[in-house]
Amino acid sequence: MVFKCKLHIFINHHGDIVSFFTLTLDNVNDRIVVEYLVCKLKGWLFADHGFISKKLVVSLTNQGLKLITKIRSNMKEKVIHPIKFSLLNKRYIIETI
């Protein structure tokens, strides 16, 4: 039997690990895992559009985190600050770790 897993890790814009990480099975919802991993973080959290969820946004906002994602293709355009846009486009760093 083969198990597929995902490594959840949080890094800063330099690629340094800034939070605990965990390994989950691939069928575990990422939005559930993220709430536990960021419990001590504050600031901006950049993620892909798979993390878009009203419930998650409310939860993260209550603990001092602002979720910043690209929009889905079926969503209205939103204006994003140039600095946030630039950092959001650096998400590729995550894929190289």
N, C-alpha and C. Protein backbone atom coordinates (compact mmCIF):
# COMPACT_ATOMS: atom_id res chain seq x y z
N MET A 1 0.84 -1.17 0.00
CA MET A 1 0.00 0.00 0.00
C MET A 1 0.89 1.24 0.00
N VAL A 2 0.55 2.22 -0.83
CA VAL A 2 1.32 3.45 -0.95
C VAL A 2 0.55 4.59 -0.30
N PHE A 3 1.23 5.34 0.55
CA PHE A 3 0.63 6.51 1.18
C PHE A 3 1.26 7.76 0.58
N LYS A 4 0.42 8.66 0.13
CA LYS A 4 0.91 9.95 -0.36
C LYS A 4 0.80 10.95 0.77
N CYS A 5 1.86 11.73 0.95
CA CYS A 5 1.89 12.69 2.05
C CYS A 5 2.21 14.09 1.54
N LYS A 6 1.87 15.07 2.36
CA LYS A 6 2.20 16.47 2.07
C LYS A 6 2.97 17.02 3.26
N LEU A 7 4.00 17.80 2.95
CA LEU A 7 4.76 18.48 3.99
C LEU A 7 4.25 19.91 4.05
N HIS A 8 3.80 20.34 5.21
CA HIS A 8 3.32 21.71 5.42
C HIS A 8 4.42 22.47 6.15
N ILE A 9 4.85 23.57 5.55
CA ILE A 9 5.96 24.33 6.12
C ILE A 9 5.71 25.81 5.88
N PHE A 10 6.14 26.64 6.82
CA PHE A 10 5.99 28.08 6.68
C PHE A 10 7.37 28.70 6.64
N ILE A 11 7.60 29.54 5.63
CA ILE A 11 8.89 30.19 5.44
C ILE A 11 8.69 31.69 5.30
N ASN A 12 9.77 32.44 5.49
CA ASN A 12 9.70 33.87 5.23
C ASN A 12 10.11 34.12 3.78
N HIS A 13 10.19 35.39 3.39
CA HIS A 13 10.49 35.72 2.00
C HIS A 13 11.92 35.39 1.59
N HIS A 14 12.77 35.00 2.54
CA HIS A 14 14.13 34.57 2.23
C HIS A 14 14.25 33.06 2.11
N GLY A 15 13.18 32.34 2.45
CA GLY A 15 13.21 30.89 2.41
C GLY A 15 13.57 30.25 3.73
N ASP A 16 13.68 31.05 4.79
CA ASP A 16 14.00 30.53 6.12
C ASP A 16 12.74 29.96 6.77
N ILE A 17 12.86 28.81 7.43
CA ILE A 17 11.72 28.22 8.12
C ILE A 17 11.39 29.08 9.34
N VAL A 18 10.12 29.48 9.45
CA VAL A 18 9.71 30.36 10.55
C VAL A 18 8.66 29.73 11.45
N SER A 19 8.20 28.56 11.13
CA SER A 19 7.16 27.94 11.94
C SER A 19 7.35 26.44 11.93
N PHE A 20 6.66 25.79 12.82
CA PHE A 20 6.69 24.33 12.86
C PHE A 20 6.17 23.78 11.54
N PHE A 21 6.53 22.57 11.26
CA PHE A 21 6.01 21.93 10.05
C PHE A 21 5.42 20.59 10.44
N THR A 22 4.61 20.08 9.54
CA THR A 22 3.97 18.79 9.81
C THR A 22 3.82 18.03 8.51
N LEU A 23 3.67 16.75 8.65
CA LEU A 23 3.46 15.85 7.53
C LEU A 23 2.05 15.28 7.66
N THR A 24 1.26 15.38 6.59
CA THR A 24 -0.10 14.85 6.62
C THR A 24 -0.33 13.97 5.41
N LEU A 25 -1.34 13.15 5.50
CA LEU A 25 -1.76 12.39 4.32
C LEU A 25 -2.32 13.35 3.30
N ASP A 26 -2.26 12.98 2.03
CA ASP A 26 -2.68 13.91 0.98
C ASP A 26 -4.17 14.19 0.96
N ASN A 27 -4.98 13.43 1.68
CA ASN A 27 -6.42 13.68 1.68
C ASN A 27 -6.86 14.61 2.82
N VAL A 28 -5.91 15.15 3.59
CA VAL A 28 -6.23 16.08 4.67
C VAL A 28 -6.35 17.49 4.09
N ASN A 29 -7.43 18.18 4.46
CA ASN A 29 -7.69 19.53 3.96
C ASN A 29 -6.63 20.50 4.48
N ASP A 30 -5.95 21.19 3.56
CA ASP A 30 -4.90 22.14 3.92
C ASP A 30 -5.40 23.27 4.81
N ARG A 31 -6.65 23.68 4.59
CA ARG A 31 -7.20 24.80 5.37
C ARG A 31 -7.35 24.45 6.84
N ILE A 32 -7.52 23.19 7.15
CA ILE A 32 -7.62 22.77 8.55
C ILE A 32 -6.23 22.77 9.18
N VAL A 33 -5.26 22.28 8.46
CA VAL A 33 -3.90 22.19 8.98
C VAL A 33 -3.31 23.58 9.24
N VAL A 34 -3.58 24.52 8.36
CA VAL A 34 -2.96 25.84 8.47
C VAL A 34 -3.35 26.55 9.77
N GLU A 35 -4.57 26.37 10.24
CA GLU A 35 -5.00 27.03 11.47
C GLU A 35 -4.15 26.60 12.67
N TYR A 36 -3.73 25.36 12.70
CA TYR A 36 -2.91 24.86 13.80
C TYR A 36 -1.45 25.28 13.67
N LEU A 37 -0.98 25.38 12.45
CA LEU A 37 0.43 25.70 12.24
C LEU A 37 0.77 27.17 12.48
N VAL A 38 -0.20 28.04 12.30
CA VAL A 38 0.08 29.47 12.41
C VAL A 38 -0.41 30.08 13.72
N CYS A 39 -0.72 29.26 14.68
CA CYS A 39 -1.35 29.75 15.92
C CYS A 39 -0.52 30.80 16.65
N LYS A 40 0.78 30.87 16.44
CA LYS A 40 1.61 31.86 17.14
C LYS A 40 2.14 32.94 16.21
N LEU A 41 1.72 32.93 14.96
CA LEU A 41 2.20 33.92 14.00
C LEU A 41 1.24 35.09 13.89
N LYS A 42 1.79 36.24 13.51
CA LYS A 42 0.99 37.43 13.25
C LYS A 42 1.56 38.08 11.99
N GLY A 43 0.74 38.84 11.29
CA GLY A 43 1.21 39.54 10.10
C GLY A 43 0.48 39.09 8.86
N TRP A 44 1.21 38.93 7.78
CA TRP A 44 0.64 38.53 6.49
C TRP A 44 0.94 37.06 6.23
N LEU A 45 -0.04 36.35 5.73
CA LEU A 45 0.13 34.95 5.34
C LEU A 45 -0.22 34.84 3.86
N PHE A 46 0.77 34.51 3.04
CA PHE A 46 0.58 34.38 1.60
C PHE A 46 0.35 32.92 1.27
N ALA A 47 -0.67 32.67 0.47
CA ALA A 47 -1.03 31.29 0.13
C ALA A 47 -1.64 31.25 -1.26
N ASP A 48 -1.77 30.05 -1.81
CA ASP A 48 -2.42 29.95 -3.11
C ASP A 48 -3.93 30.01 -2.94
N HIS A 49 -4.63 30.07 -4.05
CA HIS A 49 -6.09 30.26 -3.99
C HIS A 49 -6.83 29.07 -3.40
N GLY A 50 -6.17 27.97 -3.18
CA GLY A 50 -6.80 26.82 -2.53
C GLY A 50 -7.12 27.07 -1.07
N PHE A 51 -6.54 28.10 -0.49
CA PHE A 51 -6.78 28.43 0.91
C PHE A 51 -7.91 29.43 1.10
N ILE A 52 -8.53 29.88 0.03
CA ILE A 52 -9.61 30.85 0.14
C ILE A 52 -10.81 30.21 0.81
N SER A 53 -11.19 30.78 1.94
CA SER A 53 -12.33 30.29 2.72
C SER A 53 -12.74 31.40 3.69
N LYS A 54 -14.02 31.74 3.72
CA LYS A 54 -14.48 32.79 4.64
C LYS A 54 -14.20 32.41 6.08
N LYS A 55 -14.44 31.15 6.41
CA LYS A 55 -14.22 30.68 7.78
C LYS A 55 -12.74 30.81 8.16
N LEU A 56 -11.85 30.44 7.25
CA LEU A 56 -10.41 30.54 7.53
C LEU A 56 -9.99 32.00 7.66
N VAL A 57 -10.49 32.87 6.80
CA VAL A 57 -10.14 34.29 6.87
C VAL A 57 -10.54 34.87 8.22
N VAL A 58 -11.74 34.55 8.68
CA VAL A 58 -12.21 35.05 9.98
C VAL A 58 -11.33 34.52 11.11
N SER A 59 -11.02 33.24 11.07
CA SER A 59 -10.20 32.63 12.11
C SER A 59 -8.81 33.25 12.16
N LEU A 60 -8.19 33.42 10.99
CA LEU A 60 -6.85 34.00 10.93
C LEU A 60 -6.85 35.46 11.35
N THR A 61 -7.87 36.20 10.93
CA THR A 61 -7.98 37.61 11.30
C THR A 61 -8.08 37.76 12.81
N ASN A 62 -8.84 36.88 13.45
CA ASN A 62 -8.99 36.94 14.90
C ASN A 62 -7.68 36.70 15.65
N GLN A 63 -6.74 36.01 15.03
CA GLN A 63 -5.46 35.79 15.70
C GLN A 63 -4.36 36.71 15.18
N GLY A 64 -4.73 37.69 14.34
CA GLY A 64 -3.77 38.69 13.91
C GLY A 64 -3.07 38.41 12.61
N LEU A 65 -3.63 37.54 11.79
CA LEU A 65 -3.04 37.22 10.48
C LEU A 65 -3.96 37.69 9.36
N LYS A 66 -3.36 38.25 8.32
CA LYS A 66 -4.10 38.66 7.13
C LYS A 66 -3.75 37.68 6.02
N LEU A 67 -4.76 36.93 5.55
CA LEU A 67 -4.55 35.96 4.47
C LEU A 67 -4.55 36.69 3.13
N ILE A 68 -3.48 36.53 2.37
CA ILE A 68 -3.35 37.17 1.07
C ILE A 68 -3.16 36.08 0.03
N THR A 69 -4.08 36.03 -0.92
CA THR A 69 -4.05 35.01 -1.97
C THR A 69 -4.30 35.65 -3.32
N LYS A 70 -3.93 34.93 -4.36
CA LYS A 70 -4.38 35.32 -5.68
C LYS A 70 -5.85 34.93 -5.78
N ILE A 71 -6.56 35.54 -6.70
CA ILE A 71 -7.98 35.24 -6.81
C ILE A 71 -8.21 34.05 -7.73
N ARG A 72 -9.33 33.41 -7.53
CA ARG A 72 -9.73 32.33 -8.42
C ARG A 72 -10.25 32.93 -9.71
N SER A 73 -10.30 32.12 -10.75
CA SER A 73 -10.73 32.62 -12.06
C SER A 73 -12.18 33.09 -12.07
N ASN A 74 -13.00 32.58 -11.16
CA ASN A 74 -14.41 32.97 -11.14
C ASN A 74 -14.70 34.08 -10.13
N MET A 75 -13.67 34.74 -9.62
CA MET A 75 -13.85 35.81 -8.63
C MET A 75 -13.65 37.17 -9.28
N LYS A 76 -14.22 38.20 -8.63
CA LYS A 76 -14.04 39.56 -9.10
C LYS A 76 -12.61 40.00 -8.82
N GLU A 77 -12.08 40.84 -9.73
CA GLU A 77 -10.74 41.40 -9.52
C GLU A 77 -10.73 42.24 -8.26
N LYS A 78 -9.63 42.24 -7.55
CA LYS A 78 -9.48 43.11 -6.39
C LYS A 78 -8.14 43.81 -6.48
N VAL A 79 -8.10 45.01 -5.96
CA VAL A 79 -6.87 45.79 -5.98
C VAL A 79 -6.00 45.31 -4.83
N ILE A 80 -4.74 45.07 -5.13
CA ILE A 80 -3.81 44.61 -4.11
C ILE A 80 -2.61 45.55 -4.09
N HIS A 81 -2.14 45.87 -2.92
CA HIS A 81 -1.00 46.77 -2.74
C HIS A 81 0.21 46.19 -3.49
N PRO A 82 1.00 47.06 -4.16
CA PRO A 82 2.15 46.56 -4.93
C PRO A 82 3.13 45.71 -4.12
N ILE A 83 3.36 46.05 -2.86
CA ILE A 83 4.28 45.25 -2.04
C ILE A 83 3.71 43.85 -1.81
N LYS A 84 2.42 43.78 -1.48
CA LYS A 84 1.78 42.48 -1.28
C LYS A 84 1.78 41.68 -2.57
N PHE A 85 1.54 42.35 -3.70
CA PHE A 85 1.53 41.68 -5.00
C PHE A 85 2.90 41.08 -5.29
N SER A 86 3.94 41.86 -5.02
CA SER A 86 5.30 41.39 -5.26
C SER A 86 5.63 40.17 -4.39
N LEU A 87 5.26 40.24 -3.11
CA LEU A 87 5.52 39.11 -2.21
C LEU A 87 4.70 37.89 -2.59
N LEU A 88 3.47 38.11 -3.03
CA LEU A 88 2.61 37.00 -3.45
C LEU A 88 3.22 36.29 -4.65
N ASN A 89 3.84 37.05 -5.53
CA ASN A 89 4.47 36.45 -6.71
C ASN A 89 5.76 35.70 -6.37
N LYS A 90 6.27 35.86 -5.16
CA LYS A 90 7.47 35.13 -4.74
C LYS A 90 7.13 33.78 -4.12
N ARG A 91 5.89 33.37 -4.22
CA ARG A 91 5.49 32.08 -3.66
C ARG A 91 6.27 30.92 -4.26
N TYR A 92 6.87 31.13 -5.42
CA TYR A 92 7.63 30.06 -6.06
C TYR A 92 8.77 29.57 -5.16
N ILE A 93 9.22 30.43 -4.22
CA ILE A 93 10.28 30.02 -3.28
C ILE A 93 9.84 28.77 -2.52
N ILE A 94 8.56 28.72 -2.18
CA ILE A 94 8.03 27.58 -1.43
C ILE A 94 8.22 26.29 -2.21
N GLU A 95 8.00 26.34 -3.49
CA GLU A 95 8.08 25.14 -4.32
C GLU A 95 9.51 24.63 -4.47
N THR A 96 10.49 25.46 -4.17
CA THR A 96 11.89 25.05 -4.35
C THR A 96 12.52 24.49 -3.09
N ILE A 97 11.79 24.49 -2.00
CA ILE A 97 12.35 23.99 -0.73
C ILE A 97 12.09 22.51 -0.59
